[in-house]
Protein backbone atom coordinates (compact mmCIF):
# COMPACT_ATOMS: atom_id res chain seq x y z
CA MET A 1 160.93 82.51 131.65
CA SER A 2 158.34 82.70 134.39
CA LYS A 3 158.97 82.50 138.12
CA SER A 4 159.38 79.07 139.67
CA ILE A 5 159.03 77.63 143.13
CA GLU A 6 161.02 74.79 144.66
CA SER A 7 158.20 73.33 146.75
CA SER A 8 154.44 73.46 147.28
CA VAL A 9 152.94 76.51 148.96
CA GLY A 10 149.71 76.79 150.92
CA HIS A 11 147.40 74.21 152.47
CA ASN A 12 149.42 71.05 153.26
CA GLY A 13 152.38 72.49 151.36
CA GLN A 14 156.03 72.37 152.34
CA ASN A 15 155.95 76.16 152.58
CA VAL A 16 159.64 76.92 152.07
CA LYS A 17 160.09 80.64 152.72
CA SER A 18 161.52 81.54 149.29
CA SER A 19 158.70 79.70 147.49
CA VAL A 20 156.06 81.32 149.73
CA MET A 21 157.49 84.76 149.00
CA THR A 22 157.36 84.08 145.25
CA VAL A 23 153.70 83.02 145.46
CA GLN A 24 152.81 86.01 147.65
CA TYR A 25 154.50 88.34 145.15
CA LEU A 26 152.67 86.74 142.23
CA LEU A 27 149.30 86.91 144.01
CA ASN A 28 149.88 90.62 144.61
CA CYS A 29 150.42 91.08 140.85
CA VAL A 30 146.85 89.91 140.17
CA PRO A 31 144.24 92.71 140.09
CA ALA A 32 141.59 92.26 142.79
CA ALA A 33 138.87 92.12 140.11
CA GLN A 34 140.58 89.03 138.66
CA GLY A 35 141.07 87.21 141.95
CA GLY A 36 144.01 88.99 143.55
CA PRO A 37 144.14 89.77 147.27
CA GLN A 38 142.66 92.97 148.62
CA PRO A 39 144.51 94.40 150.45
CA GLU A 40 147.79 93.04 149.14
CA LEU A 41 149.57 90.33 151.09
CA ALA A 42 152.74 90.98 153.05
CA VAL A 43 155.55 89.29 151.13
CA ASP A 44 157.01 87.78 154.29
CA GLY A 45 157.33 84.09 153.49
CA ILE A 46 154.77 83.09 156.12
CA VAL A 47 151.73 81.04 155.10
CA GLY A 48 148.82 82.22 157.19
CA PRO A 49 145.08 82.29 156.66
CA ARG A 50 145.24 85.36 154.37
CA THR A 51 147.74 83.70 152.03
CA ILE A 52 145.72 80.49 151.83
CA ALA A 53 142.49 82.47 151.29
CA ALA A 54 144.19 84.46 148.51
CA ILE A 55 145.35 81.25 146.81
CA LYS A 56 141.83 79.79 147.00
CA ARG A 57 140.22 82.98 145.70
CA PHE A 58 142.60 83.13 142.75
CA GLN A 59 142.13 79.44 141.99
CA ALA A 60 138.34 79.76 142.09
CA ARG A 61 138.45 82.65 139.62
CA LYS A 62 141.18 81.49 137.25
CA VAL A 63 141.99 77.79 137.61
CA GLY A 64 138.67 76.01 138.14
CA PHE A 65 139.42 74.49 141.54
CA ALA A 66 140.35 75.85 144.95
CA ASP A 67 142.51 73.49 147.00
CA GLY A 68 144.56 76.32 148.50
CA ARG A 69 147.92 75.00 147.31
CA VAL A 70 150.36 76.08 144.60
CA ASP A 71 152.59 73.30 143.28
CA PRO A 72 155.80 73.60 141.26
CA GLY A 73 154.92 73.26 137.58
CA GLY A 74 151.20 73.21 138.39
CA LYS A 75 148.18 74.97 136.88
CA THR A 76 147.95 77.60 139.61
CA LEU A 77 151.57 78.68 139.24
CA ALA A 78 151.18 78.89 135.45
CA ALA A 79 148.01 80.99 135.83
CA LEU A 80 149.74 83.32 138.30
CA GLY A 81 152.66 83.74 135.91
CA VAL A 82 150.40 85.42 133.36
CA PHE A 83 150.11 88.42 135.70
CA ASP A 84 153.83 88.81 136.45
CA PRO A 85 154.99 92.16 135.05
CA TYR A 86 158.64 91.05 135.27
CA PRO A 87 158.66 87.38 134.23
CA HIS A 88 162.36 87.36 133.32
CA GLN A 89 163.55 88.60 136.71
CA PRO A 90 164.08 86.07 139.51
């Protein structure tokens, strides 16, 4: 089972702290060469310009669009889940 989020994260997202922290963690699991942030994001639950830029960079590399938002059950979240080294842990 991969990680889930309860609400959208990023540009025009609801940005609930627990969902933001999940997305920040997952982005940090992605190697920089494959679209992950460099340096890693602080997993602080705050959506700032670095988090949105990291979402867009990952989307551009792996999803085929870059709207800067991660939605529950969406393509970006599924693509991030591939990089999670601990998919069965909440």
